[in-house]
């Protein structure tokens, strides 16, 4: 179980699978909102189609609270021949008790 403590800043965009020790890396992540996600704290954002991108790991878990929260994803997009501006993001406000479910290789 990974927990983001109350009052913690935003996380950088990342993939979950590279930080788990599962082989193969094809896992599903279920993210449960213990508090409602409201616009003031920011939505859960997904990079559409990023689960199909190549090499998953960029940076380290120590960078998860960096102020430039899109840099790791920008590096991964560049590796795929994409500019960050070309990456489509979708935003989801998850209600308390709701869940976000995604492929562990999805940048979010």
Protein backbone atom coordinates (compact mmCIF):
# COMPACT_ATOMS: atom_id res chain seq x y z
CA UNK A 1 0.00 0.00 0.00
CA UNK A 2 1.30 3.42 -0.96
CA UNK A 3 -0.15 6.37 0.90
CA UNK A 4 0.05 10.06 0.05
CA UNK A 5 -0.19 11.81 3.42
CA UNK A 6 -2.60 14.70 4.03
CA UNK A 7 -1.09 18.04 3.07
CA UNK A 8 1.57 16.49 0.81
CA UNK A 9 2.36 18.38 -2.37
CA UNK A 10 1.55 17.11 -5.84
CA UNK A 11 3.43 14.10 -7.14
CA UNK A 12 5.34 14.21 -10.41
CA UNK A 13 3.94 12.32 -13.37
CA UNK A 14 5.18 8.75 -13.09
CA UNK A 15 4.40 5.13 -13.91
CA UNK A 16 3.72 2.65 -11.11
CA UNK A 17 4.98 -0.61 -12.67
CA UNK A 18 8.70 0.24 -12.76
CA UNK A 19 8.69 0.82 -9.01
CA UNK A 20 7.09 -2.54 -8.21
CA UNK A 21 9.17 -5.70 -8.29
CA UNK A 22 6.75 -7.69 -10.43
CA UNK A 23 7.80 -9.66 -13.49
CA UNK A 24 6.21 -9.15 -15.91
CA UNK A 25 5.39 -5.51 -15.25
CA UNK A 26 1.77 -5.74 -16.42
CA UNK A 27 -0.07 -4.76 -13.24
CA UNK A 28 -3.27 -2.85 -12.57
CA UNK A 29 -3.21 0.01 -10.07
CA UNK A 30 -6.31 0.80 -8.03
CA UNK A 31 -6.13 4.24 -6.47
CA UNK A 32 -8.74 4.86 -3.74
CA UNK A 33 -9.62 8.40 -2.67
CA UNK A 34 -9.84 8.57 1.12
CA UNK A 35 -10.83 12.22 0.77
CA UNK A 36 -12.73 13.81 -2.12
CA UNK A 37 -10.54 15.16 -4.91
CA UNK A 38 -11.65 18.72 -5.41
CA UNK A 39 -10.26 21.25 -7.92
CA UNK A 40 -8.33 23.05 -5.15
CA UNK A 41 -6.07 20.03 -4.57
CA UNK A 42 -5.93 19.02 -8.22
CA UNK A 43 -7.31 16.10 -10.17
CA UNK A 44 -5.83 12.74 -11.00
CA UNK A 45 -4.41 13.17 -14.52
CA UNK A 46 -3.68 10.45 -17.07
CA UNK A 47 -1.57 10.68 -20.25
CA UNK A 48 -3.75 9.03 -22.90
CA UNK A 49 -2.07 6.02 -24.56
CA UNK A 50 1.08 6.24 -22.41
CA UNK A 51 0.68 2.63 -21.29
CA UNK A 52 1.94 1.70 -24.78
CA UNK A 53 5.13 3.76 -24.52
CA UNK A 54 8.46 1.96 -24.27
CA UNK A 55 10.95 1.96 -21.40
CA UNK A 56 9.04 2.89 -18.30
CA UNK A 57 11.39 4.03 -15.60
CA UNK A 58 12.48 7.64 -15.58
CA UNK A 59 14.11 9.17 -12.53
CA UNK A 60 13.77 7.80 -9.03
CA UNK A 61 11.10 7.74 -6.34
CA UNK A 62 13.12 10.47 -4.59
CA UNK A 63 12.01 12.83 -7.40
CA UNK A 64 8.29 12.23 -6.83
CA UNK A 65 7.80 15.63 -5.17
CA UNK A 66 9.97 17.73 -7.55
CA UNK A 67 8.52 21.11 -8.45
CA UNK A 68 8.74 20.40 -12.20
CA UNK A 69 6.10 17.70 -12.02
CA UNK A 70 5.97 17.01 -15.78
CA UNK A 71 9.72 16.65 -16.50
CA UNK A 72 9.96 12.85 -16.14
CA UNK A 73 6.95 12.39 -18.43
CA UNK A 74 8.39 14.93 -20.89
CA UNK A 75 11.60 12.86 -21.05
CA UNK A 76 9.58 9.68 -21.66
CA UNK A 77 7.48 11.40 -24.35
CA UNK A 78 10.64 12.64 -26.08
CA UNK A 79 11.94 9.05 -26.06
CA UNK A 80 8.72 8.15 -27.94
CA UNK A 81 9.26 10.96 -30.47
CA UNK A 82 6.59 13.19 -28.91
CA UNK A 83 6.71 16.73 -27.58
CA UNK A 84 5.03 17.24 -24.21
CA UNK A 85 2.49 19.51 -25.93
CA UNK A 86 1.38 16.51 -28.03
CA UNK A 87 0.54 14.38 -24.99
CA UNK A 88 -3.20 14.39 -24.31
CA UNK A 89 -4.03 14.58 -20.60
CA UNK A 90 -7.39 13.69 -19.11
CA UNK A 91 -8.32 14.85 -15.62
CA UNK A 92 -10.47 12.95 -13.15
CA UNK A 93 -11.91 14.29 -9.89
CA UNK A 94 -12.42 11.16 -7.80
CA UNK A 95 -15.09 11.37 -5.06
CA UNK A 96 -14.36 10.15 -1.54
CA UNK A 97 -14.47 6.35 -1.61
CA UNK A 98 -14.19 6.33 -5.40
CA UNK A 99 -11.34 4.75 -7.30
CA UNK A 100 -9.10 5.38 -10.26
CA UNK A 101 -8.07 2.17 -12.02
CA UNK A 102 -5.27 2.16 -14.58
CA UNK A 103 -2.60 0.05 -16.23
CA UNK A 104 0.58 0.22 -14.14
CA UNK A 105 2.44 1.52 -17.20
CA UNK A 106 0.19 4.59 -17.57
CA UNK A 107 1.85 7.94 -16.92
CA UNK A 108 -0.25 9.80 -14.34
